[in-house]
C-alpha atoms as a PDB file:
ATOM      1  CA  MET A   1     -25.953  92.010 -63.675  1.00  0.00           C
ATOM      2  CA  ILE A   2     -29.452  90.667 -64.297  1.00  0.00           C
ATOM      3  CA  ILE A   3     -31.161  90.905 -67.692  1.00  0.00           C
ATOM      4  CA  TYR A   4     -34.938  90.746 -67.798  1.00  0.00           C
ATOM      5  CA  ASN A   5     -35.834  89.711 -71.346  1.00  0.00           C
ATOM      6  CA  VAL A   6     -39.346  90.042 -72.751  1.00  0.00           C
ATOM      7  CA  THR A   7     -39.925  88.448 -76.143  1.00  0.00           C
ATOM      8  CA  VAL A   8     -43.183  89.482 -77.768  1.00  0.00           C
ATOM      9  CA  ASN A   9     -44.952  88.574 -80.984  1.00  0.00           C
ATOM     10  CA  ILE A  10     -47.309  91.298 -82.165  1.00  0.00           C
ATOM     11  CA  GLU A  11     -49.952  90.994 -84.880  1.00  0.00           C
ATOM     12  CA  ASP A  12     -49.248  92.928 -88.066  1.00  0.00           C
ATOM     13  CA  SER A  13     -52.572  94.803 -87.718  1.00  0.00           C
ATOM     14  CA  VAL A  14     -51.298  96.739 -84.666  1.00  0.00           C
ATOM     15  CA  HIS A  15     -47.546  96.445 -85.166  1.00  0.00           C
ATOM     16  CA  ASN A  16     -46.742 100.073 -86.016  1.00  0.00           C
ATOM     17  CA  GLU A  17     -48.904 101.488 -83.212  1.00  0.00           C
ATOM     18  CA  TRP A  18     -47.460  98.997 -80.716  1.00  0.00           C
ATOM     19  CA  LEU A  19     -43.859  99.769 -81.716  1.00  0.00           C
ATOM     20  CA  GLN A  20     -44.394 103.521 -81.337  1.00  0.00           C
ATOM     21  CA  TRP A  21     -46.128 103.008 -77.972  1.00  0.00           C
ATOM     22  CA  MET A  22     -43.274 100.802 -76.753  1.00  0.00           C
ATOM     23  CA  LYS A  23     -40.619 103.373 -77.716  1.00  0.00           C
ATOM     24  CA  GLU A  24     -42.451 106.467 -76.493  1.00  0.00           C
ATOM     25  CA  VAL A  25     -44.443 105.200 -73.499  1.00  0.00           C
ATOM     26  CA  HIS A  26     -43.913 101.683 -72.175  1.00  0.00           C
ATOM     27  CA  ILE A  27     -40.125 101.310 -72.173  1.00  0.00           C
ATOM     28  CA  PRO A  28     -39.648 104.823 -70.704  1.00  0.00           C
ATOM     29  CA  GLU A  29     -42.191 103.944 -67.967  1.00  0.00           C
ATOM     30  CA  VAL A  30     -40.248 100.803 -67.064  1.00  0.00           C
ATOM     31  CA  LEU A  31     -36.979 102.765 -66.941  1.00  0.00           C
ATOM     32  CA  LYS A  32     -38.610 105.497 -64.823  1.00  0.00           C
ATOM     33  CA  THR A  33     -38.999 102.956 -62.015  1.00  0.00           C
ATOM     34  CA  GLY A  34     -35.284 103.511 -61.396  1.00  0.00           C
ATOM     35  CA  LEU A  35     -34.675  99.778 -61.085  1.00  0.00           C
ATOM     36  CA  PHE A  36     -33.126  99.233 -64.523  1.00  0.00           C
ATOM     37  CA  SER A  37     -29.999 100.922 -65.834  1.00  0.00           C
ATOM     38  CA  GLN A  38     -30.705 100.453 -69.541  1.00  0.00           C
ATOM     39  CA  SER A  39     -32.957  98.835 -72.092  1.00  0.00           C
ATOM     40  CA  ARG A  40     -32.482  97.427 -75.579  1.00  0.00           C
ATOM     41  CA  LEU A  41     -35.213  96.858 -78.171  1.00  0.00           C
ATOM     42  CA  SER A  42     -34.311  94.300 -80.850  1.00  0.00           C
ATOM     43  CA  LYS A  43     -36.270  92.855 -83.759  1.00  0.00           C
ATOM     44  CA  VAL A  44     -36.126  89.076 -84.119  1.00  0.00           C
ATOM     45  CA  LEU A  45     -35.114  88.310 -87.708  1.00  0.00           C
ATOM     46  CA  ILE A  46     -36.538  84.780 -87.912  1.00  0.00           C
ATOM     47  CA  ASP A  47     -40.055  84.473 -89.346  1.00  0.00           C
ATOM     48  CA  GLU A  48     -42.557  82.991 -86.913  1.00  0.00           C
ATOM     49  CA  GLU A  49     -45.002  80.313 -88.063  1.00  0.00           C
ATOM     50  CA  MET A  50     -47.768  82.242 -86.310  1.00  0.00           C
ATOM     51  CA  GLY A  51     -47.004  85.348 -88.394  1.00  0.00           C
ATOM     52  CA  GLY A  52     -46.713  88.835 -86.996  1.00  0.00           C
ATOM     53  CA  GLN A  53     -43.534  90.581 -85.895  1.00  0.00           C
ATOM     54  CA  THR A  54     -41.339  89.467 -82.994  1.00  0.00           C
ATOM     55  CA  TYR A  55     -39.205  91.663 -80.730  1.00  0.00           C
ATOM     56  CA  SER A  56     -36.963  91.197 -77.721  1.00  0.00           C
ATOM     57  CA  ILE A  57     -36.887  93.918 -75.091  1.00  0.00           C
ATOM     58  CA  GLN A  58     -34.030  93.569 -72.610  1.00  0.00           C
ATOM     59  CA  TYR A  59     -33.852  95.502 -69.360  1.00  0.00           C
ATOM     60  CA  SER A  60     -30.619  95.446 -67.309  1.00  0.00           C
ATOM     61  CA  CYS A  61     -30.536  95.778 -63.532  1.00  0.00           C
ATOM     62  CA  ASN A  62     -27.762  95.512 -60.984  1.00  0.00           C
ATOM     63  CA  SER A  63     -29.248  92.868 -58.713  1.00  0.00           C
ATOM     64  CA  MET A  64     -31.918  90.243 -58.281  1.00  0.00           C
ATOM     65  CA  SER A  65     -33.431  92.348 -55.507  1.00  0.00           C
ATOM     66  CA  ASP A  66     -33.949  95.227 -57.981  1.00  0.00           C
ATOM     67  CA  TYR A  67     -35.727  92.844 -60.352  1.00  0.00           C
ATOM     68  CA  GLU A  68     -37.855  91.411 -57.531  1.00  0.00           C
ATOM     69  CA  LYS A  69     -38.826  94.919 -56.426  1.00  0.00           C
ATOM     70  CA  TYR A  70     -39.865  95.710 -60.007  1.00  0.00           C
ATOM     71  CA  GLU A  71     -41.958  92.523 -60.164  1.00  0.00           C
ATOM     72  CA  GLU A  72     -43.670  93.318 -56.876  1.00  0.00           C
ATOM     73  CA  LEU A  73     -44.309  97.043 -57.248  1.00  0.00           C
ATOM     74  CA  TYR A  74     -44.507  97.859 -60.952  1.00  0.00           C
ATOM     75  CA  ALA A  75     -44.858  94.840 -63.238  1.00  0.00           C
ATOM     76  CA  PRO A  76     -48.521  94.019 -62.505  1.00  0.00           C
ATOM     77  CA  GLY A  77     -49.759  97.492 -63.456  1.00  0.00           C
ATOM     78  CA  LEU A  78     -47.548  97.788 -66.525  1.00  0.00           C
ATOM     79  CA  ARG A  79     -48.597  94.341 -67.747  1.00  0.00           C
ATOM     80  CA  GLN A  80     -52.254  95.146 -67.193  1.00  0.00           C
ATOM     81  CA  GLU A  81     -51.922  98.332 -69.241  1.00  0.00           C
ATOM     82  CA  THR A  82     -50.322  96.394 -72.110  1.00  0.00           C
ATOM     83  CA  GLU A  83     -52.989  93.687 -71.946  1.00  0.00           C
ATOM     84  CA  GLN A  84     -55.793  96.261 -72.082  1.00  0.00           C
ATOM     85  CA  ARG A  85     -54.285  98.020 -75.102  1.00  0.00           C
ATOM     86  CA  TYR A  86     -53.381  94.916 -77.130  1.00  0.00           C
ATOM     87  CA  LYS A  87     -55.632  92.149 -75.822  1.00  0.00           C
ATOM     88  CA  GLY A  88     -55.448  89.109 -78.070  1.00  0.00           C
ATOM     89  CA  LYS A  89     -52.897  90.781 -80.358  1.00  0.00           C
ATOM     90  CA  THR A  90     -49.696  89.819 -78.512  1.00  0.00           C
ATOM     91  CA  VAL A  91     -47.955  86.743 -77.146  1.00  0.00           C
ATOM     92  CA  PHE A  92     -45.288  87.273 -74.470  1.00  0.00           C
ATOM     93  CA  PHE A  93     -42.446  85.068 -73.285  1.00  0.00           C
ATOM     94  CA  ARG A  94     -40.320  86.287 -70.379  1.00  0.00           C
ATOM     95  CA  THR A  95     -36.876  85.077 -69.301  1.00  0.00           C
ATOM     96  CA  LEU A  96     -34.454  86.136 -66.607  1.00  0.00           C
ATOM     97  CA  LEU A  97     -30.725  85.997 -67.321  1.00  0.00           C
ATOM     98  CA  GLU A  98     -27.665  86.480 -65.162  1.00  0.00           C
ATOM     99  CA  VAL A  99     -24.593  87.876 -66.887  1.00  0.00           C
ATOM    100  CA  VAL A 100     -21.671  85.575 -66.116  1.00  0.00           C
ATOM    101  CA  GLU A 101     -19.001  87.553 -67.919  1.00  0.00           C
ATOM    102  CA  ASP A 102     -18.731  90.299 -70.543  1.00  0.00           C
ATOM    103  CA  PHE A 103     -16.254  90.043 -73.408  1.00  0.00           C
ATOM    104  CA  PHE A 104     -15.159  92.980 -75.532  1.00  0.00           C
ATOM    105  CA  ILE A 105     -12.903  93.346 -78.533  1.00  0.00           C
END
């Protein structure tokens, strides 16, 4: 399994609007591509020196080819939409993870 992680810091001035938009519009649009099986939205609990609020959004997909298809076909438009809405109000950091093994209790 591949996890596409997007960490974002959002300015306090647009935080509430951004969070609502992420839950109601953006994350559902990413999932509608059919390339991810689930998503998780988490708040980072460590205060950032730059201020604002920080979140991690994780999208799970079954294969690297699914992720690559997302990057090619959907990511540019979705990123552009986010940039237009919140220009200068967000900082993004993206990572790609491969699940090695799951452990459960």
